[in-house]
Amino acid sequence: MLLEGKKLLITGVLTDDSIAFAVARVAQEAGAEILLTNVGKGVRLTERVARKLPATPDVMQMDVNSPDDVGAVASELM
């Protein structure tokens, strides 16, 4: 598969009609492991929509203004 062994960070998955959701689905179908992020109440929405993907990915809080959030996500991607 094209993305086998790759881990991708995808943001903006709020509904299963979003472009980000379609990207996440295609990435998984191509063999990628994905990590979804959102901020605040959006995290719960992303977790709910993530269950509709072929494999339920991890969802993390990431406020780009928070060095701690960015660091935690970066660590997860390594």
Protein backbone atom coordinates (compact mmCIF):
# COMPACT_ATOMS: atom_id res chain seq x y z
CA MET A 1 0.00 0.00 0.00
CA LEU A 2 1.13 3.50 -0.81
CA LEU A 3 1.12 4.88 2.75
CA GLU A 4 2.06 1.71 4.64
CA GLY A 5 4.25 2.53 7.64
CA LYS A 6 3.37 6.25 7.56
CA LYS A 7 1.65 8.15 10.37
CA LEU A 8 -0.35 11.23 9.37
CA LEU A 9 -1.72 14.11 11.41
CA ILE A 10 -5.12 15.23 10.16
CA THR A 11 -7.01 18.19 11.56
CA GLY A 12 -10.48 19.49 10.86
CA VAL A 13 -12.51 16.27 11.08
CA LEU A 14 -15.82 17.51 12.49
CA THR A 15 -18.32 15.75 10.23
CA ASP A 16 -18.24 12.77 7.93
CA ASP A 17 -18.99 15.19 5.07
CA SER A 18 -15.77 17.17 5.55
CA ILE A 19 -12.79 17.08 3.24
CA ALA A 20 -10.64 16.17 6.25
CA PHE A 21 -12.78 13.08 6.92
CA ALA A 22 -12.42 11.98 3.29
CA VAL A 23 -8.64 12.48 3.51
CA ALA A 24 -8.52 10.42 6.71
CA ARG A 25 -10.54 7.60 5.13
CA VAL A 26 -8.43 7.49 1.97
CA ALA A 27 -5.22 7.63 4.02
CA GLN A 28 -6.33 4.65 6.10
CA GLU A 29 -7.35 2.73 3.00
CA ALA A 30 -3.85 3.41 1.62
CA GLY A 31 -2.29 1.90 4.74
CA ALA A 32 -1.52 4.96 6.87
CA GLU A 33 -1.96 5.19 10.59
CA ILE A 34 -3.68 8.48 11.36
CA LEU A 35 -3.91 10.81 14.33
CA LEU A 36 -6.78 13.28 14.47
CA THR A 37 -6.68 16.52 16.44
CA ASN A 38 -9.10 19.21 17.45
CA VAL A 39 -9.44 21.76 20.22
CA GLY A 40 -11.94 22.26 23.02
CA LYS A 41 -15.41 20.85 22.49
CA GLY A 42 -14.39 19.90 18.96
CA VAL A 43 -12.42 16.96 20.37
CA ARG A 44 -15.64 15.16 21.36
CA LEU A 45 -17.15 15.77 17.92
CA THR A 46 -14.01 14.44 16.26
CA GLU A 47 -14.03 11.34 18.49
CA ARG A 48 -17.63 10.62 17.51
CA VAL A 49 -17.01 11.04 13.77
CA ALA A 50 -13.73 9.07 13.96
CA ARG A 51 -15.76 5.93 14.78
CA LYS A 52 -17.11 6.04 11.21
CA LEU A 53 -13.63 5.54 9.72
CA PRO A 54 -12.45 2.06 8.67
CA ALA A 55 -10.30 1.87 11.85
CA THR A 56 -10.95 4.18 14.79
CA PRO A 57 -7.88 6.41 15.15
CA ASP A 58 -6.55 8.21 18.21
CA VAL A 59 -7.91 11.73 18.73
CA MET A 60 -5.93 14.31 20.68
CA GLN A 61 -6.46 17.85 21.91
CA MET A 62 -4.19 20.28 20.08
CA ASP A 63 -4.41 24.02 20.55
CA VAL A 64 -1.64 25.38 18.33
CA ASN A 65 -1.17 28.21 20.84
CA SER A 66 -0.26 25.68 23.53
CA PRO A 67 3.34 24.42 23.41
CA ASP A 68 2.31 21.52 25.68
CA ASP A 69 -0.42 20.37 23.26
CA VAL A 70 1.88 20.69 20.24
CA GLY A 71 4.63 18.82 22.07
CA ALA A 72 2.29 15.99 23.08
CA VAL A 73 1.06 15.56 19.51
CA ALA A 74 4.62 15.69 18.15
CA SER A 75 5.65 12.98 20.62
CA GLU A 76 2.73 10.82 19.52
CA LEU A 77 3.78 11.13 15.88
CA MET A 78 7.36 10.01 16.54
